[in-house]
N, C-alpha and C. Protein backbone atom coordinates (compact mmCIF):
# COMPACT_ATOMS: atom_id res chain seq x y z
N MET A 1 -61.03 33.49 2.22
CA MET A 1 -59.71 34.02 2.43
C MET A 1 -59.54 35.28 1.59
N ASN A 2 -58.92 36.21 2.19
CA ASN A 2 -58.76 37.43 1.42
C ASN A 2 -57.50 37.35 0.55
N GLN A 3 -57.39 38.30 -0.31
CA GLN A 3 -56.33 38.31 -1.33
C GLN A 3 -54.94 38.42 -0.71
N LYS A 4 -54.74 39.20 0.34
CA LYS A 4 -53.43 39.38 0.96
C LYS A 4 -52.95 38.08 1.60
N LYS A 5 -53.85 37.34 2.21
CA LYS A 5 -53.46 36.07 2.84
C LYS A 5 -53.04 35.05 1.78
N LYS A 6 -53.75 35.04 0.66
CA LYS A 6 -53.40 34.12 -0.43
C LYS A 6 -52.02 34.45 -0.99
N ILE A 7 -51.73 35.72 -1.17
CA ILE A 7 -50.43 36.14 -1.70
C ILE A 7 -49.32 35.81 -0.71
N LYS A 8 -49.58 36.06 0.57
CA LYS A 8 -48.59 35.76 1.60
C LYS A 8 -48.33 34.25 1.68
N LEU A 9 -49.40 33.44 1.64
CA LEU A 9 -49.26 31.98 1.67
C LEU A 9 -48.50 31.48 0.44
N THR A 10 -48.81 32.02 -0.71
CA THR A 10 -48.13 31.64 -1.95
C THR A 10 -46.66 32.03 -1.89
N SER A 11 -46.37 33.21 -1.40
CA SER A 11 -44.97 33.64 -1.32
C SER A 11 -44.21 32.79 -0.29
N ASN A 12 -44.85 32.42 0.80
CA ASN A 12 -44.20 31.55 1.79
C ASN A 12 -43.91 30.16 1.21
N ILE A 13 -44.86 29.64 0.47
CA ILE A 13 -44.67 28.32 -0.17
C ILE A 13 -43.55 28.41 -1.20
N LEU A 14 -43.53 29.44 -2.01
CA LEU A 14 -42.48 29.60 -3.03
C LEU A 14 -41.10 29.79 -2.37
N THR A 15 -41.06 30.54 -1.28
CA THR A 15 -39.80 30.73 -0.56
C THR A 15 -39.29 29.41 0.00
N PHE A 16 -40.20 28.64 0.60
CA PHE A 16 -39.83 27.33 1.13
C PHE A 16 -39.33 26.41 0.03
N LEU A 17 -40.02 26.39 -1.10
CA LEU A 17 -39.60 25.56 -2.23
C LEU A 17 -38.23 26.00 -2.76
N LEU A 18 -38.03 27.30 -2.86
CA LEU A 18 -36.75 27.83 -3.35
C LEU A 18 -35.61 27.45 -2.41
N ILE A 19 -35.83 27.61 -1.11
CA ILE A 19 -34.79 27.24 -0.14
C ILE A 19 -34.53 25.74 -0.19
N SER A 20 -35.60 24.95 -0.30
CA SER A 20 -35.43 23.49 -0.39
C SER A 20 -34.64 23.11 -1.63
N LEU A 21 -34.95 23.70 -2.77
CA LEU A 21 -34.24 23.38 -4.01
C LEU A 21 -32.77 23.80 -3.94
N VAL A 22 -32.49 24.94 -3.34
CA VAL A 22 -31.10 25.37 -3.18
C VAL A 22 -30.36 24.39 -2.27
N GLY A 23 -31.01 23.96 -1.19
CA GLY A 23 -30.39 22.98 -0.29
C GLY A 23 -30.10 21.67 -0.98
N ILE A 24 -31.06 21.19 -1.76
CA ILE A 24 -30.85 19.94 -2.52
C ILE A 24 -29.72 20.11 -3.52
N TYR A 25 -29.67 21.26 -4.20
CA TYR A 25 -28.61 21.51 -5.17
C TYR A 25 -27.23 21.50 -4.50
N VAL A 26 -27.10 22.18 -3.36
CA VAL A 26 -25.82 22.24 -2.65
C VAL A 26 -25.42 20.83 -2.21
N PHE A 27 -26.37 20.05 -1.70
CA PHE A 27 -26.10 18.68 -1.29
C PHE A 27 -25.60 17.85 -2.47
N GLN A 28 -26.24 17.97 -3.62
CA GLN A 28 -25.85 17.21 -4.81
C GLN A 28 -24.45 17.61 -5.29
N VAL A 29 -24.14 18.90 -5.24
CA VAL A 29 -22.81 19.37 -5.66
C VAL A 29 -21.74 18.78 -4.75
N ILE A 30 -21.99 18.78 -3.43
CA ILE A 30 -21.03 18.24 -2.48
C ILE A 30 -20.84 16.75 -2.71
N GLU A 31 -21.92 16.01 -2.90
CA GLU A 31 -21.84 14.58 -3.15
C GLU A 31 -21.11 14.27 -4.46
N SER A 32 -21.35 15.09 -5.47
CA SER A 32 -20.67 14.92 -6.75
C SER A 32 -19.16 15.13 -6.59
N GLY A 33 -18.78 16.14 -5.81
CA GLY A 33 -17.36 16.39 -5.55
C GLY A 33 -16.71 15.23 -4.82
N LYS A 34 -17.40 14.67 -3.83
CA LYS A 34 -16.87 13.51 -3.09
C LYS A 34 -16.69 12.32 -4.04
N THR A 35 -17.67 12.11 -4.89
CA THR A 35 -17.61 10.99 -5.83
C THR A 35 -16.43 11.15 -6.80
N ASN A 36 -16.26 12.36 -7.33
CA ASN A 36 -15.15 12.60 -8.25
C ASN A 36 -13.80 12.42 -7.55
N TYR A 37 -13.69 12.85 -6.31
CA TYR A 37 -12.46 12.68 -5.55
C TYR A 37 -12.17 11.19 -5.35
N ASN A 38 -13.19 10.43 -4.98
CA ASN A 38 -13.01 8.98 -4.79
C ASN A 38 -12.62 8.29 -6.09
N ILE A 39 -13.19 8.71 -7.19
CA ILE A 39 -12.83 8.13 -8.49
C ILE A 39 -11.36 8.40 -8.80
N GLY A 40 -10.91 9.63 -8.54
CA GLY A 40 -9.50 9.97 -8.78
C GLY A 40 -8.57 9.13 -7.91
N GLN A 41 -8.92 8.96 -6.63
CA GLN A 41 -8.11 8.14 -5.73
C GLN A 41 -8.06 6.70 -6.21
N ASN A 42 -9.21 6.18 -6.63
CA ASN A 42 -9.26 4.79 -7.11
C ASN A 42 -8.46 4.61 -8.39
N GLN A 43 -8.45 5.62 -9.25
CA GLN A 43 -7.67 5.51 -10.48
C GLN A 43 -6.18 5.50 -10.17
N GLU A 44 -5.75 6.31 -9.20
CA GLU A 44 -4.33 6.30 -8.81
C GLU A 44 -3.96 4.93 -8.24
N GLU A 45 -4.83 4.39 -7.39
CA GLU A 45 -4.56 3.08 -6.80
C GLU A 45 -4.54 2.00 -7.88
N LEU A 46 -5.44 2.11 -8.85
CA LEU A 46 -5.48 1.15 -9.95
C LEU A 46 -4.18 1.19 -10.75
N THR A 47 -3.67 2.38 -11.02
CA THR A 47 -2.41 2.52 -11.75
C THR A 47 -1.26 1.85 -10.98
N LEU A 48 -1.20 2.09 -9.67
CA LEU A 48 -0.14 1.47 -8.86
C LEU A 48 -0.29 -0.05 -8.85
N LEU A 49 -1.51 -0.54 -8.75
CA LEU A 49 -1.73 -1.98 -8.73
C LEU A 49 -1.38 -2.62 -10.09
N GLU A 50 -1.66 -1.91 -11.17
CA GLU A 50 -1.30 -2.42 -12.50
C GLU A 50 0.22 -2.52 -12.65
N GLU A 51 0.95 -1.51 -12.14
CA GLU A 51 2.41 -1.54 -12.19
C GLU A 51 2.94 -2.70 -11.34
N GLU A 52 2.37 -2.87 -10.17
CA GLU A 52 2.80 -3.95 -9.29
C GLU A 52 2.51 -5.31 -9.92
N THR A 53 1.37 -5.44 -10.57
CA THR A 53 1.01 -6.69 -11.24
C THR A 53 2.00 -7.00 -12.36
N SER A 54 2.35 -6.00 -13.15
CA SER A 54 3.31 -6.25 -14.24
C SER A 54 4.67 -6.62 -13.68
N ASN A 55 5.09 -5.99 -12.56
CA ASN A 55 6.36 -6.37 -11.94
C ASN A 55 6.32 -7.79 -11.41
N LEU A 56 5.19 -8.18 -10.81
CA LEU A 56 5.06 -9.54 -10.30
C LEU A 56 5.06 -10.57 -11.44
N LYS A 57 4.41 -10.23 -12.55
CA LYS A 57 4.42 -11.13 -13.70
C LYS A 57 5.84 -11.31 -14.23
N LEU A 58 6.59 -10.21 -14.30
CA LEU A 58 7.97 -10.27 -14.76
C LEU A 58 8.82 -11.13 -13.82
N THR A 59 8.64 -10.94 -12.51
CA THR A 59 9.39 -11.72 -11.53
C THR A 59 9.02 -13.20 -11.64
N ALA A 60 7.74 -13.50 -11.80
CA ALA A 60 7.30 -14.89 -11.94
C ALA A 60 7.88 -15.51 -13.20
N SER A 61 7.93 -14.74 -14.27
CA SER A 61 8.50 -15.23 -15.52
C SER A 61 9.98 -15.54 -15.36
N LYS A 62 10.71 -14.64 -14.69
CA LYS A 62 12.14 -14.87 -14.47
C LYS A 62 12.36 -16.11 -13.61
N THR A 63 11.55 -16.26 -12.56
CA THR A 63 11.67 -17.42 -11.69
C THR A 63 11.38 -18.70 -12.46
N SER A 64 10.37 -18.65 -13.29
CA SER A 64 10.01 -19.82 -14.10
C SER A 64 11.16 -20.18 -15.03
N ASN A 65 11.78 -19.18 -15.64
CA ASN A 65 12.91 -19.43 -16.54
C ASN A 65 14.09 -20.03 -15.78
N LEU A 66 14.35 -19.55 -14.57
CA LEU A 66 15.44 -20.10 -13.76
C LEU A 66 15.16 -21.55 -13.40
N ASN A 67 13.91 -21.84 -13.06
CA ASN A 67 13.55 -23.22 -12.75
C ASN A 67 13.72 -24.11 -13.97
N ASN A 68 13.36 -23.61 -15.15
CA ASN A 68 13.54 -24.38 -16.38
C ASN A 68 15.02 -24.63 -16.65
N ILE A 69 15.85 -23.62 -16.40
CA ILE A 69 17.29 -23.78 -16.62
C ILE A 69 17.84 -24.83 -15.66
N GLU A 70 17.44 -24.77 -14.39
CA GLU A 70 17.92 -25.74 -13.41
C GLU A 70 17.50 -27.15 -13.79
N SER A 71 16.27 -27.33 -14.22
CA SER A 71 15.82 -28.68 -14.60
C SER A 71 16.55 -29.16 -15.85
N LYS A 72 16.83 -28.26 -16.78
CA LYS A 72 17.56 -28.63 -18.00
C LYS A 72 18.99 -29.03 -17.66
N VAL A 73 19.63 -28.30 -16.72
CA VAL A 73 20.99 -28.63 -16.30
C VAL A 73 21.01 -30.01 -15.66
N LYS A 74 20.03 -30.30 -14.80
CA LYS A 74 19.96 -31.62 -14.16
C LYS A 74 19.70 -32.70 -15.19
N GLU A 75 18.86 -32.40 -16.16
CA GLU A 75 18.53 -33.35 -17.22
C GLU A 75 19.76 -33.70 -18.05
N LEU A 76 20.61 -32.71 -18.30
CA LEU A 76 21.82 -32.94 -19.09
C LEU A 76 22.94 -33.55 -18.26
N GLY A 77 22.76 -33.66 -16.97
CA GLY A 77 23.72 -34.35 -16.12
C GLY A 77 24.90 -33.51 -15.66
N TYR A 78 24.76 -32.19 -15.70
CA TYR A 78 25.84 -31.35 -15.22
C TYR A 78 25.88 -31.39 -13.70
N ALA A 79 27.09 -31.30 -13.14
CA ALA A 79 27.24 -31.31 -11.68
C ALA A 79 27.13 -29.88 -11.16
N LYS A 80 26.71 -29.79 -9.91
CA LYS A 80 26.59 -28.47 -9.29
C LYS A 80 27.98 -27.95 -8.98
N MET A 81 28.20 -26.68 -9.30
CA MET A 81 29.51 -26.10 -9.05
C MET A 81 29.63 -25.64 -7.62
N GLY A 82 30.81 -25.80 -7.11
CA GLY A 82 31.09 -25.32 -5.78
C GLY A 82 31.96 -24.08 -5.86
N ARG A 83 33.03 -24.11 -5.13
CA ARG A 83 33.95 -22.98 -5.10
C ARG A 83 34.85 -23.02 -6.34
N ILE A 84 35.16 -21.87 -6.86
CA ILE A 84 36.03 -21.77 -8.04
C ILE A 84 37.34 -21.15 -7.61
N ASP A 85 38.44 -21.85 -7.93
CA ASP A 85 39.77 -21.32 -7.66
C ASP A 85 40.43 -20.99 -9.00
N PHE A 86 40.99 -19.81 -9.10
CA PHE A 86 41.67 -19.39 -10.31
C PHE A 86 43.17 -19.51 -10.12
N ILE A 87 43.82 -19.90 -11.18
CA ILE A 87 45.28 -19.99 -11.16
C ILE A 87 45.82 -18.66 -11.66
N THR A 88 46.70 -18.08 -10.88
CA THR A 88 47.32 -16.82 -11.31
C THR A 88 48.74 -17.13 -11.76
N ILE A 89 49.07 -16.67 -12.92
CA ILE A 89 50.40 -16.89 -13.49
C ILE A 89 51.12 -15.56 -13.48
N PRO A 90 52.29 -15.54 -12.88
CA PRO A 90 53.04 -14.29 -12.90
C PRO A 90 53.43 -13.93 -14.32
N SER A 91 53.41 -12.66 -14.63
CA SER A 91 53.68 -12.20 -15.99
C SER A 91 55.12 -12.50 -16.42
N SER A 92 56.06 -12.65 -15.48
CA SER A 92 57.45 -12.90 -15.86
C SER A 92 57.67 -14.34 -16.35
N SER A 93 56.73 -15.26 -16.06
CA SER A 93 56.95 -16.65 -16.47
C SER A 93 56.25 -17.00 -17.77
N VAL A 94 55.64 -16.04 -18.42
CA VAL A 94 54.97 -16.29 -19.69
C VAL A 94 55.99 -16.28 -20.81
N ALA A 95 55.93 -17.31 -21.65
CA ALA A 95 56.89 -17.41 -22.75
C ALA A 95 56.44 -16.51 -23.89
N ILE A 96 57.41 -15.93 -24.54
CA ILE A 96 57.14 -15.01 -25.65
C ILE A 96 57.80 -15.61 -26.89
N ASN A 97 57.07 -15.68 -27.97
CA ASN A 97 57.57 -16.20 -29.22
C ASN A 97 58.08 -15.04 -30.07
N ASP A 98 59.39 -15.09 -30.41
CA ASP A 98 59.96 -14.00 -31.20
C ASP A 98 59.85 -14.25 -32.67
């Protein structure tokens, strides 16, 4: 093989390798961007789920406390209240002590 063919073959191989490496680099950058975007989305979803979990725990705690109050009321023998009627007294019939 003569010298010109060797140089041309070497330059073709180097060009192919360079293009391949640039392609791999671009692919990796795109994949890295997708991964970072997905991580950000998952972190936002995690934050919302943590808030929802804390709200559910609070609601469960309140419900548990209400159930405890109801059982304590039954245990103490209090009757369930129905309708409440208030007596209204006209202000003119109130006695005043001088």
